Amino acid sequence: MTDKIARPSSFPWPPLIYVAAIAASILLHFLLELPWVPSPLSDLLFALGWLCVAAGVALLFSSLRTLRRAKTTAAPTRAATHLVTDGPFGISRNPIYLGNTIVMIGIGLISGMLWFIILAPVAAFATQKAAVEPEERHLEQKFGKRYRDYVKKVRRWI
């Protein structure tokens, strides 16, 4: 078994990508503050932001719990020991990264910092290229037809 099959990546890109996107959002907000919507719409967006954060965090914890129950890793640098297709993984092949993106959008809605909302899909795209695609190759090599069947049933993001 080659190292490529043994683990999807040698570097934990996803957490760093999202931390960088959050830091960039804050920095850009102070360098170039974008206009935000006035009240009462901003109040509704504030409430929607809290719902997004709650949903994203729930998705993250549910996904991690599902992986732990399956006795496989959540670390993007470790090889999967089991193909997990239930729980949140029955709705999205990448519920942890989806949860991160939803939380980032929620923070933007709560804070009124439009940069969070703009950079959330950028972080998701960077995560897809740096982590999701290598993970998909890893899972296909490791689980073969079972993974290909799963890909046909469940979308990458939503």
Protein backbone atom coordinates (compact mmCIF):
# COMPACT_ATOMS: atom_id res chain seq x y z
CA MET A 1 0.00 0.00 0.00
CA THR A 2 1.47 3.36 -1.00
CA ASP A 3 1.55 6.43 1.21
CA LYS A 4 -1.06 8.03 -1.10
CA ILE A 5 -3.53 5.30 -0.17
CA ALA A 6 -2.45 5.17 3.47
CA ARG A 7 -3.47 8.78 4.16
CA PRO A 8 -5.16 11.53 2.17
CA SER A 9 -2.83 14.41 3.09
CA SER A 10 0.34 15.11 5.00
CA PHE A 11 -0.81 18.56 6.15
CA PRO A 12 -4.01 19.53 8.01
CA TRP A 13 -5.25 22.16 5.54
CA PRO A 14 -8.93 22.63 6.51
CA PRO A 15 -8.50 24.18 9.97
CA LEU A 16 -5.77 26.47 8.70
CA ILE A 17 -7.82 27.54 5.70
CA TYR A 18 -10.80 28.49 7.86
CA VAL A 19 -8.64 30.26 10.48
CA ALA A 20 -6.93 32.21 7.67
CA ALA A 21 -10.31 33.12 6.17
CA ILE A 22 -11.55 34.35 9.56
CA ALA A 23 -8.38 36.38 10.13
CA ALA A 24 -8.58 37.82 6.60
CA SER A 25 -12.25 38.70 7.15
CA ILE A 26 -11.43 40.67 10.30
CA LEU A 27 -8.41 42.38 8.73
CA LEU A 28 -10.31 43.28 5.58
CA HIS A 29 -13.19 44.63 7.65
CA PHE A 30 -10.83 47.08 9.35
CA LEU A 31 -9.06 47.98 6.10
CA LEU A 32 -12.15 48.23 3.91
CA GLU A 33 -15.39 48.14 5.83
CA LEU A 34 -18.22 47.10 3.54
CA PRO A 35 -21.70 48.54 4.08
CA TRP A 36 -24.18 46.49 6.06
CA VAL A 37 -27.96 46.53 5.87
CA PRO A 38 -29.85 48.85 8.23
CA SER A 39 -32.35 47.85 10.89
CA PRO A 40 -34.85 46.08 10.96
CA LEU A 41 -33.36 43.76 8.31
CA SER A 42 -30.04 43.68 10.18
CA ASP A 43 -31.91 42.44 13.26
CA LEU A 44 -33.37 39.57 11.25
CA LEU A 45 -29.94 38.77 9.81
CA PHE A 46 -28.50 38.82 13.33
CA ALA A 47 -31.06 36.22 14.42
CA LEU A 48 -30.45 34.18 11.25
CA GLY A 49 -26.72 34.33 12.02
CA TRP A 50 -27.26 32.73 15.42
CA LEU A 51 -29.35 30.01 13.77
CA CYS A 52 -26.53 29.40 11.28
CA VAL A 53 -23.93 29.19 14.04
CA ALA A 54 -26.11 26.80 16.05
CA ALA A 55 -26.81 24.63 12.98
CA GLY A 56 -23.15 24.63 11.93
CA VAL A 57 -21.90 23.70 15.40
CA ALA A 58 -24.58 20.98 15.70
CA LEU A 59 -23.49 19.62 12.32
CA LEU A 60 -19.84 19.64 13.39
CA PHE A 61 -20.46 17.84 16.69
CA SER A 62 -22.86 15.35 15.13
CA SER A 63 -20.32 14.58 12.40
CA LEU A 64 -17.49 14.10 14.89
CA ARG A 65 -19.68 11.88 17.07
CA THR A 66 -20.63 9.78 14.03
CA LEU A 67 -16.96 9.33 13.09
CA ARG A 68 -16.04 8.43 16.68
CA ARG A 69 -18.85 5.82 16.84
CA ALA A 70 -17.54 4.31 13.60
CA LYS A 71 -14.05 4.20 15.17
CA THR A 72 -12.48 6.17 12.35
CA THR A 73 -10.57 9.42 12.30
CA ALA A 74 -11.71 12.97 11.72
CA ALA A 75 -8.12 14.10 11.11
CA PRO A 76 -7.53 15.05 7.46
CA THR A 77 -3.98 13.68 7.71
CA ARG A 78 -4.93 10.17 8.82
CA ALA A 79 -6.24 7.25 6.81
CA ALA A 80 -9.89 6.36 7.14
CA THR A 81 -10.48 2.96 8.68
CA HIS A 82 -14.21 2.80 7.86
CA LEU A 83 -16.44 4.34 5.22
CA VAL A 84 -19.02 6.35 7.15
CA THR A 85 -22.26 6.92 5.24
CA ASP A 86 -24.82 7.43 8.01
CA GLY A 87 -25.81 10.39 10.17
CA PRO A 88 -24.70 13.71 8.67
CA PHE A 89 -22.64 11.77 6.12
CA GLY A 90 -25.90 10.53 4.64
CA ILE A 91 -26.73 14.14 3.68
CA SER A 92 -23.29 15.56 2.82
CA ARG A 93 -20.01 13.81 2.11
CA ASN A 94 -18.25 16.68 3.90
CA PRO A 95 -20.47 17.74 6.80
CA ILE A 96 -17.54 18.97 8.93
CA TYR A 97 -16.36 21.39 6.24
CA LEU A 98 -19.97 22.34 5.51
CA GLY A 99 -20.43 23.07 9.21
CA ASN A 100 -17.31 25.26 9.23
CA THR A 101 -18.65 27.22 6.25
CA ILE A 102 -22.09 27.67 7.82
CA VAL A 103 -20.53 28.88 11.09
CA MET A 104 -18.41 31.39 9.18
CA ILE A 105 -21.47 32.74 7.36
CA GLY A 106 -23.32 32.92 10.68
CA ILE A 107 -20.53 34.94 12.25
CA GLY A 108 -20.74 37.35 9.33
CA LEU A 109 -24.49 37.74 9.82
CA ILE A 110 -24.12 38.26 13.58
CA SER A 111 -21.24 40.73 13.35
CA GLY A 112 -22.38 42.55 10.24
CA MET A 113 -18.97 41.92 8.68
CA LEU A 114 -19.71 41.15 5.06
CA TRP A 115 -16.17 39.85 4.53
CA PHE A 116 -17.05 36.69 6.48
CA ILE A 117 -19.88 35.97 4.05
CA ILE A 118 -17.67 36.71 1.03
CA LEU A 119 -14.72 34.62 2.22
CA ALA A 120 -16.75 31.62 3.47
CA PRO A 121 -17.23 30.21 -0.07
CA VAL A 122 -13.59 31.04 -0.84
CA ALA A 123 -12.55 28.98 2.19
CA ALA A 124 -14.88 26.17 1.10
CA PHE A 125 -13.38 26.17 -2.41
CA ALA A 126 -9.82 26.17 -1.03
CA THR A 127 -10.77 23.33 1.31
CA GLN A 128 -12.22 21.39 -1.60
CA LYS A 129 -9.02 21.70 -3.60
CA ALA A 130 -6.57 21.17 -0.70
CA ALA A 131 -8.45 18.53 1.29
CA VAL A 132 -11.72 17.24 -0.15
CA GLU A 133 -10.38 16.11 -3.52
CA PRO A 134 -7.35 14.28 -1.98
CA GLU A 135 -9.70 12.71 0.60
CA GLU A 136 -12.01 11.55 -2.18
CA ARG A 137 -9.10 9.93 -4.05
CA HIS A 138 -8.00 8.28 -0.80
CA LEU A 139 -11.50 6.94 -0.07
CA GLU A 140 -11.96 5.65 -3.60
CA GLN A 141 -8.63 3.84 -3.50
CA LYS A 142 -9.34 2.43 -0.07
CA PHE A 143 -13.04 1.48 -0.40
CA GLY A 144 -13.49 1.15 -4.18
CA LYS A 145 -17.02 0.37 -5.36
CA ARG A 146 -18.59 1.03 -1.94
CA TYR A 147 -17.26 4.61 -2.07
CA ARG A 148 -18.28 5.09 -5.72
CA ASP A 149 -21.82 3.94 -4.85
CA TYR A 150 -21.88 6.39 -1.93
CA VAL A 151 -20.75 9.24 -4.22
CA LYS A 152 -23.70 8.50 -6.52
CA LYS A 153 -26.15 8.83 -3.60
CA VAL A 154 -24.74 11.72 -1.54
CA ARG A 155 -23.59 15.10 -2.81
CA ARG A 156 -20.19 16.54 -1.98
CA TRP A 157 -21.50 19.56 -0.05
CA ILE A 158 -25.33 19.74 0.08
